[in-house]
C-alpha atoms as a PDB file:
ATOM      1  CA  UNK A   1      10.024 -10.842  -0.299  1.00  0.00           C
ATOM      2  CA  UNK A   2      10.457  -9.691  -3.755  1.00  0.00           C
ATOM      3  CA  UNK A   3       9.923  -6.099  -4.512  1.00  0.00           C
ATOM      4  CA  UNK A   4       8.233  -6.910  -8.010  1.00  0.00           C
ATOM      5  CA  UNK A   5       5.593  -9.163  -6.107  1.00  0.00           C
ATOM      6  CA  UNK A   6       4.969  -6.429  -3.453  1.00  0.00           C
ATOM      7  CA  UNK A   7       4.665  -3.696  -6.130  1.00  0.00           C
ATOM      8  CA  UNK A   8       2.144  -5.887  -8.145  1.00  0.00           C
ATOM      9  CA  UNK A   9       0.112  -6.578  -5.036  1.00  0.00           C
ATOM     10  CA  UNK A  10      -0.053  -2.802  -4.306  1.00  0.00           C
ATOM     11  CA  UNK A  11      -1.030  -1.954  -7.836  1.00  0.00           C
ATOM     12  CA  UNK A  12      -3.753  -4.756  -7.856  1.00  0.00           C
ATOM     13  CA  UNK A  13      -5.437  -3.599  -4.648  1.00  0.00           C
ATOM     14  CA  UNK A  14      -5.258   0.058  -5.728  1.00  0.00           C
ATOM     15  CA  UNK A  15      -6.759  -0.724  -9.022  1.00  0.00           C
ATOM     16  CA  UNK A  16      -9.617  -2.570  -7.190  1.00  0.00           C
ATOM     17  CA  UNK A  17     -10.250   0.395  -5.129  1.00  0.00           C
ATOM     18  CA  UNK A  18     -10.201   2.858  -8.075  1.00  0.00           C
ATOM     19  CA  UNK A  19     -12.442   0.526 -10.268  1.00  0.00           C
ATOM     20  CA  UNK A  20     -11.501   2.358 -13.347  1.00  0.00           C
ATOM     21  CA  UNK A  21      -7.762   3.133 -13.433  1.00  0.00           C
ATOM     22  CA  UNK A  22      -5.548   0.111 -13.908  1.00  0.00           C
ATOM     23  CA  UNK A  23      -2.290   1.867 -14.850  1.00  0.00           C
ATOM     24  CA  UNK A  24      -0.814   4.675 -12.597  1.00  0.00           C
ATOM     25  CA  UNK A  25       2.738   5.823 -11.765  1.00  0.00           C
ATOM     26  CA  UNK A  26       4.160   4.438  -8.384  1.00  0.00           C
ATOM     27  CA  UNK A  27       4.947   8.054  -7.455  1.00  0.00           C
ATOM     28  CA  UNK A  28       1.547   9.535  -7.969  1.00  0.00           C
ATOM     29  CA  UNK A  29      -0.152  10.795  -4.700  1.00  0.00           C
ATOM     30  CA  UNK A  30      -2.668   8.347  -3.399  1.00  0.00           C
ATOM     31  CA  UNK A  31      -4.848  11.388  -2.848  1.00  0.00           C
ATOM     32  CA  UNK A  32      -4.646  12.417  -6.334  1.00  0.00           C
ATOM     33  CA  UNK A  33      -5.769   8.875  -7.186  1.00  0.00           C
ATOM     34  CA  UNK A  34      -8.897   9.619  -5.179  1.00  0.00           C
ATOM     35  CA  UNK A  35      -8.069   7.461  -2.051  1.00  0.00           C
ATOM     36  CA  UNK A  36      -8.972   8.848   1.389  1.00  0.00           C
ATOM     37  CA  UNK A  37      -7.373   7.997   4.788  1.00  0.00           C
ATOM     38  CA  UNK A  38      -9.863   5.207   5.341  1.00  0.00           C
ATOM     39  CA  UNK A  39      -9.264   3.706   2.071  1.00  0.00           C
ATOM     40  CA  UNK A  40      -5.400   3.792   2.559  1.00  0.00           C
ATOM     41  CA  UNK A  41      -5.949   2.016   5.974  1.00  0.00           C
ATOM     42  CA  UNK A  42      -8.110  -0.742   4.430  1.00  0.00           C
ATOM     43  CA  UNK A  43      -5.495  -1.099   1.642  1.00  0.00           C
ATOM     44  CA  UNK A  44      -2.623  -1.563   4.160  1.00  0.00           C
ATOM     45  CA  UNK A  45      -4.647  -4.233   6.130  1.00  0.00           C
ATOM     46  CA  UNK A  46      -5.567  -6.062   2.864  1.00  0.00           C
ATOM     47  CA  UNK A  47      -1.951  -5.964   1.711  1.00  0.00           C
ATOM     48  CA  UNK A  48      -0.665  -7.244   5.040  1.00  0.00           C
ATOM     49  CA  UNK A  49      -3.074 -10.164   4.747  1.00  0.00           C
ATOM     50  CA  UNK A  50      -2.326 -11.070   1.274  1.00  0.00           C
ATOM     51  CA  UNK A  51       1.413 -10.941   1.692  1.00  0.00           C
ATOM     52  CA  UNK A  52       1.282 -12.781   5.114  1.00  0.00           C
ATOM     53  CA  UNK A  53       2.689  -9.733   7.083  1.00  0.00           C
ATOM     54  CA  UNK A  54       2.045  -8.479  10.544  1.00  0.00           C
ATOM     55  CA  UNK A  55       2.916  -4.947  11.533  1.00  0.00           C
ATOM     56  CA  UNK A  56       2.750  -3.463  14.877  1.00  0.00           C
ATOM     57  CA  UNK A  57       0.102  -0.895  15.523  1.00  0.00           C
ATOM     58  CA  UNK A  58       2.629   1.886  15.842  1.00  0.00           C
ATOM     59  CA  UNK A  59       4.278   0.819  12.423  1.00  0.00           C
ATOM     60  CA  UNK A  60       0.667   0.942  10.841  1.00  0.00           C
ATOM     61  CA  UNK A  61       0.067   4.274  12.367  1.00  0.00           C
ATOM     62  CA  UNK A  62       3.361   5.652  11.106  1.00  0.00           C
ATOM     63  CA  UNK A  63       2.477   4.324   7.614  1.00  0.00           C
ATOM     64  CA  UNK A  64      -0.914   5.950   7.639  1.00  0.00           C
ATOM     65  CA  UNK A  65       0.649   9.343   8.538  1.00  0.00           C
ATOM     66  CA  UNK A  66       3.522   9.098   6.012  1.00  0.00           C
ATOM     67  CA  UNK A  67       2.197   7.021   2.958  1.00  0.00           C
ATOM     68  CA  UNK A  68       1.913   9.415   0.027  1.00  0.00           C
ATOM     69  CA  UNK A  69       2.392   7.124  -2.945  1.00  0.00           C
ATOM     70  CA  UNK A  70       2.153   3.419  -3.998  1.00  0.00           C
ATOM     71  CA  UNK A  71       5.814   3.416  -3.866  1.00  0.00           C
ATOM     72  CA  UNK A  72       5.752   4.468  -0.113  1.00  0.00           C
ATOM     73  CA  UNK A  73       3.401   1.501   0.470  1.00  0.00           C
ATOM     74  CA  UNK A  74       5.626  -0.932  -1.266  1.00  0.00           C
ATOM     75  CA  UNK A  75       8.620   0.157   0.771  1.00  0.00           C
ATOM     76  CA  UNK A  76       6.701  -0.101   3.914  1.00  0.00           C
ATOM     77  CA  UNK A  77       5.533  -3.685   3.300  1.00  0.00           C
ATOM     78  CA  UNK A  78       9.093  -4.699   2.217  1.00  0.00           C
ATOM     79  CA  UNK A  79      10.507  -3.120   5.473  1.00  0.00           C
ATOM     80  CA  UNK A  80       7.945  -5.017   7.806  1.00  0.00           C
ATOM     81  CA  UNK A  81       8.520  -8.131   5.841  1.00  0.00           C
ATOM     82  CA  UNK A  82      12.171  -8.072   6.865  1.00  0.00           C
ATOM     83  CA  UNK A  83      11.262  -8.270  10.593  1.00  0.00           C
END
């Protein structure tokens, strides 16, 4: 799985949720972008579906607790894609 494709998917889905901010830094806090825990969870599920990935519940729970940035989401998806 290519990092650029994962990054593009993460940005596309976050931009859809934000509805007004298309360009943002990968290291900006998801909370600063205005995303709450429920939206981040929804984002993770959509990204897994789009990228054809399946994470264990424990992995998803860990990600929900530790994901702070778009970059964190990209790293998580790349990691589960290696399984």
